[in-house]
Amino acid sequence: MSLHPALAAVRRGVRAVLDPLDPGASVIVACSGGADSLALLSAAVFEGHKRALRVVGVTVDHGLQEGSAVHAERVVEQMAAMGADETLTATVSVSAAGVGPEAAARQARYAVLEEVAERLSAVVVLLGHTLDDQAETVLLGLTRGSGGRSLAGMRRAFGGFARPLLDVRRDDTVTACQAESLTVWDDPHNADPSFTRVRVRRTVLPLLEDELGPGVARALARTADQLRDDMELLDGLAEEVLERVSSPHGLSIPLLAVQPPALRRRVIRSAALVAGAPPAELFHEHVLAVDALLTNWRGQKWIDLPGHLRAVRRDVLLVFESPPSSH
């Protein structure tokens, strides 16, 4: 009997990530019990065991829903039944201070997965984001005017994490689970219209597909791939510029001011992050205001930045510093 096309698509994505790994290596699969992550775990077990890899299923309990601990236990049992070599629950405490609940949960989840990967000496953590997730990310970035970085969407691999399913549709992960008779958990948050991403998923993207024709999601995901290459090139060039203009006392304004805007503003953003500005709170408007200290100098005293930070022009140097205490 031939393999179902949806199952083949999921396994193909996972195989591409696992192929370069050495036999005996440990691979973590983050699994919520939803269709995407269950399909991912199933494919990782199938492809990983053929390559003598150790597959560890990890479910993260954010404690944000009633009965989350019981649900985590069920997911652990399910992962074990699916053939994972080891299973565990990672419990996190989510603090939404300064960011929204979604961002806070994501930060906590990635942090604990990194800890687990380090403890188990895992070579990669697999995440179940699909092509549809990528399309939603690009569309949200477009509507927020967040620039190329947001439009480039989610990276296929970063810092020990990988997303094997970015070419796979969400419908295919659901079908793959049905083909393997896997019981899927539907997260109530995924149907809550108070979340912007849910409205994009359930209303906006389907409307675009209806009005513009099928293929909108794939086009958005394709745009992310194209922009990602451009962004990585520009970011690499900006790192080289940052190294050239940096000194122990600040950034050289004469050297930085003559750079093309795309590079200059990336250097400013990178320098602000290094100085302690929180990435989620450092917006394009902040970068433009600091840029004006170089290109439109009118005697501005300083630019206040998030993270108890400010940018100051001192003669030929751009300096990022903490303001003096008022106490």
Protein backbone atom coordinates (compact mmCIF):
# COMPACT_ATOMS: atom_id res chain seq x y z
CA MET A 1 0.00 0.00 0.00
CA SER A 2 1.39 3.41 -0.99
CA LEU A 3 2.18 6.01 1.67
CA HIS A 4 -0.44 8.72 2.10
CA PRO A 5 0.78 11.97 0.45
CA ALA A 6 0.27 13.97 3.66
CA LEU A 7 2.32 11.48 5.67
CA ALA A 8 5.00 11.52 2.97
CA ALA A 9 5.17 15.33 3.05
CA VAL A 10 5.69 15.40 6.82
CA ARG A 11 8.35 12.68 6.75
CA ARG A 12 10.15 14.36 3.86
CA GLY A 13 10.52 17.58 5.84
CA VAL A 14 11.78 15.75 8.93
CA ARG A 15 14.14 13.57 6.91
CA ALA A 16 15.89 16.63 5.47
CA VAL A 17 16.72 17.84 9.00
CA LEU A 18 17.73 14.47 10.43
CA ASP A 19 19.83 13.19 7.49
CA PRO A 20 23.03 15.09 8.44
CA LEU A 21 22.99 13.90 12.07
CA ASP A 22 25.35 11.23 13.39
CA PRO A 23 23.94 7.90 14.64
CA GLY A 24 23.39 7.92 18.38
CA ALA A 25 22.63 11.64 18.53
CA SER A 26 19.68 12.82 20.63
CA VAL A 27 16.86 14.81 19.04
CA ILE A 28 14.14 16.60 21.00
CA VAL A 29 10.63 17.03 19.61
CA ALA A 30 8.50 19.72 21.26
CA CYS A 31 5.00 18.24 21.39
CA SER A 32 1.81 19.91 22.61
CA GLY A 33 -0.50 17.09 21.58
CA GLY A 34 -1.87 19.09 18.64
CA ALA A 35 -1.87 17.81 15.06
CA ASP A 36 1.29 19.64 13.96
CA SER A 37 3.50 18.42 16.79
CA LEU A 38 2.07 14.89 16.86
CA ALA A 39 2.68 14.51 13.13
CA LEU A 40 6.19 15.88 13.70
CA LEU A 41 6.92 13.43 16.53
CA SER A 42 5.60 10.47 14.56
CA ALA A 43 7.80 11.34 11.59
CA ALA A 44 10.81 11.96 13.86
CA VAL A 45 10.39 8.53 15.46
CA PHE A 46 10.03 6.85 12.06
CA GLU A 47 12.91 8.67 10.36
CA GLY A 48 15.06 8.97 13.47
CA HIS A 49 15.04 5.31 14.38
CA LYS A 50 16.07 4.40 10.83
CA ARG A 51 19.14 6.55 11.48
CA ALA A 52 19.81 5.19 14.99
CA LEU A 53 18.89 8.51 16.58
CA ARG A 54 17.49 8.88 20.09
CA VAL A 55 14.16 10.71 19.92
CA VAL A 56 12.98 12.52 23.05
CA GLY A 57 9.45 13.89 23.26
CA VAL A 58 9.02 16.98 25.47
CA THR A 59 5.73 18.66 26.30
CA VAL A 60 5.75 22.07 27.97
CA ASP A 61 3.16 22.83 30.64
CA HIS A 62 2.68 26.60 30.76
CA GLY A 63 0.11 26.35 33.55
CA LEU A 64 -2.17 28.81 31.73
CA GLN A 65 -5.20 26.55 31.41
CA GLU A 66 -7.15 24.59 34.00
CA GLY A 67 -6.11 20.95 33.94
CA SER A 68 -2.87 21.65 32.07
CA ALA A 69 -0.90 19.23 34.25
CA VAL A 70 -3.36 16.41 33.51
CA HIS A 71 -3.17 17.19 29.81
CA ALA A 72 0.65 17.12 29.96
CA GLU A 73 0.49 13.64 31.53
CA ARG A 74 -1.74 12.44 28.69
CA VAL A 75 0.65 13.82 26.09
CA VAL A 76 3.59 12.09 27.79
CA GLU A 77 1.71 8.77 27.70
CA GLN A 78 0.84 9.33 24.04
CA MET A 79 4.43 10.17 23.09
CA ALA A 80 5.67 7.02 24.79
CA ALA A 81 3.05 4.92 22.98
CA MET A 82 4.22 6.46 19.68
CA GLY A 83 7.73 5.14 20.25
CA ALA A 84 9.67 8.07 21.68
CA ASP A 85 12.80 6.80 23.42
CA GLU A 86 12.25 9.16 26.36
CA THR A 87 9.44 11.51 27.35
CA LEU A 88 9.16 14.30 29.86
CA THR A 89 7.13 17.32 30.92
CA ALA A 90 8.81 20.69 31.35
CA THR A 91 6.81 23.02 33.59
CA VAL A 92 7.32 26.77 33.22
CA SER A 93 6.09 29.89 34.95
CA VAL A 94 4.87 32.52 32.50
CA SER A 95 5.29 36.19 33.35
CA ALA A 96 3.73 38.63 30.89
CA ALA A 97 5.54 41.66 32.31
CA GLY A 98 6.37 43.99 29.42
CA VAL A 99 5.08 41.62 26.72
CA GLY A 100 1.78 40.00 25.77
CA PRO A 101 0.74 36.55 27.04
CA GLU A 102 1.59 34.84 23.74
CA ALA A 103 5.09 36.32 23.65
CA ALA A 104 5.66 35.55 27.32
CA ALA A 105 4.61 31.91 26.88
CA ARG A 106 6.84 31.61 23.82
CA GLN A 107 9.85 33.03 25.66
CA ALA A 108 9.32 30.66 28.58
CA ARG A 109 8.86 27.70 26.25
CA TYR A 110 12.04 28.32 24.27
CA ALA A 111 14.05 28.91 27.44
CA VAL A 112 13.01 25.62 29.02
CA LEU A 113 13.52 23.69 25.77
CA GLU A 114 17.06 25.06 25.60
CA GLU A 115 17.65 23.90 29.18
CA VAL A 116 16.33 20.42 28.42
CA ALA A 117 18.43 20.20 25.25
CA GLU A 118 21.55 21.13 27.18
CA ARG A 119 20.82 18.64 29.95
CA LEU A 120 20.22 15.80 27.47
CA SER A 121 23.05 16.87 25.13
CA ALA A 122 20.53 17.00 22.28
CA VAL A 123 21.84 18.24 18.93
CA VAL A 124 18.55 19.83 17.81
CA VAL A 125 15.05 20.69 19.03
CA LEU A 126 12.34 20.17 16.42
CA LEU A 127 9.38 22.57 16.35
CA GLY A 128 6.09 21.89 14.58
CA HIS A 129 5.44 25.21 12.81
CA THR A 130 3.86 24.73 9.38
CA LEU A 131 3.59 26.68 6.14
CA ASP A 132 0.32 28.12 7.43
CA ASP A 133 2.04 29.40 10.59
CA GLN A 134 4.65 31.04 8.37
CA ALA A 135 1.98 32.69 6.20
CA GLU A 136 0.23 34.04 9.29
CA THR A 137 3.53 35.43 10.62
CA VAL A 138 4.27 37.22 7.34
CA LEU A 139 0.76 38.65 7.11
CA LEU A 140 0.90 39.92 10.70
CA GLY A 141 4.29 41.50 10.03
CA LEU A 142 2.90 43.19 6.93
CA THR A 143 -0.09 44.66 8.74
CA ARG A 144 2.09 45.94 11.57
CA GLY A 145 4.55 47.64 9.22
CA SER A 146 7.36 45.79 10.97
CA GLY A 147 9.78 45.82 8.03
CA GLY A 148 11.78 43.10 6.35
CA ARG A 149 12.73 41.30 9.56
CA SER A 150 9.08 40.44 10.30
CA LEU A 151 8.20 39.77 6.67
CA ALA A 152 11.05 37.27 6.53
CA GLY A 153 8.99 35.19 8.93
CA MET A 154 10.24 32.30 11.02
CA ARG A 155 13.70 30.88 10.42
CA ARG A 156 14.02 27.27 9.34
CA ALA A 157 16.84 26.78 11.85
CA PHE A 158 18.31 28.91 14.64
CA GLY A 159 20.33 28.36 17.79
CA GLY A 160 19.79 24.62 18.11
CA PHE A 161 16.15 24.70 16.93
CA ALA A 162 14.76 23.57 13.58
CA ARG A 163 11.36 23.78 11.88
CA PRO A 164 11.07 20.83 9.48
CA LEU A 165 7.45 21.48 8.50
CA LEU A 166 7.62 24.98 7.02
CA ASP A 167 6.80 23.53 3.59
CA VAL A 168 3.91 21.44 4.94
CA ARG A 169 0.31 22.66 5.14
CA ARG A 170 -1.61 22.41 8.40
CA ASP A 171 -4.26 20.29 6.65
CA ASP A 172 -1.53 17.78 5.86
CA THR A 173 -0.49 17.41 9.50
CA VAL A 174 -4.13 16.81 10.44
CA THR A 175 -4.48 14.24 7.66
CA ALA A 176 -1.19 12.59 8.63
CA CYS A 177 -2.48 12.13 12.19
CA GLN A 178 -5.72 10.66 10.85
CA ALA A 179 -3.74 8.28 8.63
CA GLU A 180 -1.90 7.01 11.70
CA SER A 181 -4.99 7.02 13.97
CA LEU A 182 -3.45 9.55 16.36
CA THR A 183 -5.78 11.29 18.80
CA VAL A 184 -5.29 15.03 18.39
CA TRP A 185 -5.82 17.66 21.10
CA ASP A 186 -7.45 20.91 20.03
CA ASP A 187 -6.04 23.78 22.10
CA PRO A 188 -8.94 26.08 23.12
CA HIS A 189 -6.62 29.06 22.62
CA ASN A 190 -6.49 28.20 18.91
CA ALA A 191 -10.20 29.02 18.66
CA ASP A 192 -10.20 32.13 20.86
CA PRO A 193 -10.83 35.19 18.65
CA SER A 194 -9.34 37.50 21.28
CA PHE A 195 -5.94 36.41 19.91
CA THR A 196 -4.97 38.30 16.75
CA ARG A 197 -3.32 35.24 15.21
CA VAL A 198 -6.53 33.23 15.63
CA ARG A 199 -8.50 35.89 13.73
CA VAL A 200 -5.89 35.83 10.97
CA ARG A 201 -6.03 32.02 10.84
CA ARG A 202 -9.80 31.58 10.92
CA THR A 203 -11.06 34.71 9.15
CA VAL A 204 -8.46 36.80 7.32
CA LEU A 205 -6.47 34.16 5.42
CA PRO A 206 -9.58 32.20 4.34
CA LEU A 207 -11.10 35.48 3.10
CA LEU A 208 -7.97 36.27 1.10
CA GLU A 209 -8.02 32.79 -0.41
CA ASP A 210 -11.70 33.21 -1.33
CA GLU A 211 -11.26 36.66 -2.87
CA LEU A 212 -7.83 36.32 -4.49
CA GLY A 213 -7.85 32.63 -5.27
CA PRO A 214 -6.01 29.67 -3.74
CA GLY A 215 -2.31 29.93 -3.14
CA VAL A 216 -2.16 33.02 -0.92
CA ALA A 217 -0.66 31.15 2.02
CA ARG A 218 2.00 29.54 -0.16
CA ALA A 219 2.82 32.91 -1.74
CA LEU A 220 3.26 34.51 1.68
CA ALA A 221 5.51 31.67 2.85
CA ARG A 222 7.52 31.90 -0.37
CA THR A 223 7.96 35.63 0.23
CA ALA A 224 9.40 34.84 3.66
CA ASP A 225 11.99 32.49 2.14
CA GLN A 226 13.05 35.09 -0.42
CA LEU A 227 13.30 37.89 2.13
CA ARG A 228 15.13 35.69 4.63
CA ASP A 229 18.08 35.35 2.24
CA ASP A 230 18.18 39.13 1.76
CA MET A 231 17.89 39.79 5.49
CA GLU A 232 20.69 37.39 6.36
CA LEU A 233 22.99 39.03 3.80
CA LEU A 234 22.23 42.53 5.10
CA ASP A 235 22.58 41.43 8.73
CA GLY A 236 25.97 39.90 7.96
CA LEU A 237 27.15 43.11 6.29
CA ALA A 238 25.83 45.13 9.23
CA GLU A 239 27.86 43.01 11.67
CA GLU A 240 31.00 43.85 9.69
CA VAL A 241 30.13 47.57 9.76
CA LEU A 242 29.42 47.45 13.50
CA GLU A 243 32.85 45.96 14.11
CA ARG A 244 34.52 48.69 12.04
CA VAL A 245 32.74 51.65 13.67
CA SER A 246 32.91 50.40 17.27
CA SER A 247 35.35 51.65 19.88
CA PRO A 248 35.47 51.26 23.66
CA HIS A 249 33.79 54.65 23.97
CA GLY A 250 31.02 54.40 21.36
CA LEU A 251 30.29 54.22 17.64
CA SER A 252 32.12 56.47 15.17
CA ILE A 253 29.55 58.86 13.71
CA PRO A 254 31.65 59.86 10.64
CA LEU A 255 32.15 56.19 9.70
CA LEU A 256 28.57 55.17 10.43
CA ALA A 257 26.79 58.16 8.89
CA VAL A 258 28.12 57.43 5.38
CA GLN A 259 26.73 53.87 5.36
CA PRO A 260 23.58 53.11 3.32
CA PRO A 261 20.43 53.49 5.48
CA ALA A 262 19.68 49.75 5.44
CA LEU A 263 23.08 48.98 6.99
CA ARG A 264 23.30 52.04 9.24
CA ARG A 265 19.95 51.34 10.90
CA ARG A 266 20.77 47.68 11.38
CA VAL A 267 24.00 48.70 13.11
CA ILE A 268 22.08 51.08 15.37
CA ARG A 269 19.58 48.38 16.28
CA SER A 270 22.31 45.82 16.97
CA ALA A 271 24.25 48.26 19.13
CA ALA A 272 21.12 49.11 21.12
CA LEU A 273 20.42 45.42 21.71
CA VAL A 274 24.00 44.82 22.84
CA ALA A 275 23.62 47.75 25.24
CA GLY A 276 20.58 46.11 26.82
CA ALA A 277 17.47 47.20 24.91
CA PRO A 278 14.83 44.41 24.98
CA PRO A 279 14.29 43.12 21.40
CA ALA A 280 10.50 42.94 21.79
CA GLU A 281 10.33 46.58 22.88
CA LEU A 282 12.85 48.16 20.48
CA PHE A 283 10.74 49.45 17.59
CA HIS A 284 11.59 50.97 14.21
CA GLU A 285 10.59 54.40 15.51
CA HIS A 286 13.34 54.15 18.14
CA VAL A 287 15.92 53.27 15.49
CA LEU A 288 14.82 56.15 13.25
CA ALA A 289 15.08 58.60 16.14
CA VAL A 290 18.62 57.47 16.94
CA ASP A 291 19.48 57.58 13.23
CA ALA A 292 18.48 61.24 13.22
CA LEU A 293 21.25 61.92 15.74
CA LEU A 294 23.64 61.05 12.91
CA THR A 295 21.87 62.28 9.79
CA ASN A 296 19.64 65.12 11.01
CA TRP A 297 21.53 66.56 13.98
CA ARG A 298 19.75 69.59 15.46
CA GLY A 299 21.21 69.56 18.94
CA GLN A 300 18.98 66.81 20.32
CA LYS A 301 19.99 65.96 23.87
CA TRP A 302 19.38 62.22 23.68
CA ILE A 303 16.90 59.55 22.60
CA ASP A 304 15.20 57.49 25.29
CA LEU A 305 15.14 53.77 24.51
CA PRO A 306 13.46 50.80 26.22
CA GLY A 307 15.45 48.93 28.84
CA HIS A 308 16.40 52.00 30.89
CA LEU A 309 18.70 53.11 28.09
CA ARG A 310 19.36 56.18 26.00
CA ALA A 311 21.38 57.10 22.93
CA VAL A 312 23.51 60.24 23.12
CA ARG A 313 25.66 62.07 20.57
CA ARG A 314 28.98 63.17 22.04
CA ASP A 315 31.17 64.95 19.49
CA VAL A 316 31.97 62.28 16.91
CA LEU A 317 30.65 59.34 18.93
CA LEU A 318 27.22 57.75 19.30
CA VAL A 319 26.95 56.40 22.85
CA PHE A 320 24.37 54.02 24.37
CA GLU A 321 24.19 54.39 28.13
CA SER A 322 21.99 54.14 31.18
CA PRO A 323 20.72 57.54 32.33
CA PRO A 324 22.08 58.72 35.68
CA SER A 325 19.98 57.69 38.67
CA SER A 326 17.50 60.27 39.92
CA HIS A 327 18.03 59.12 43.49
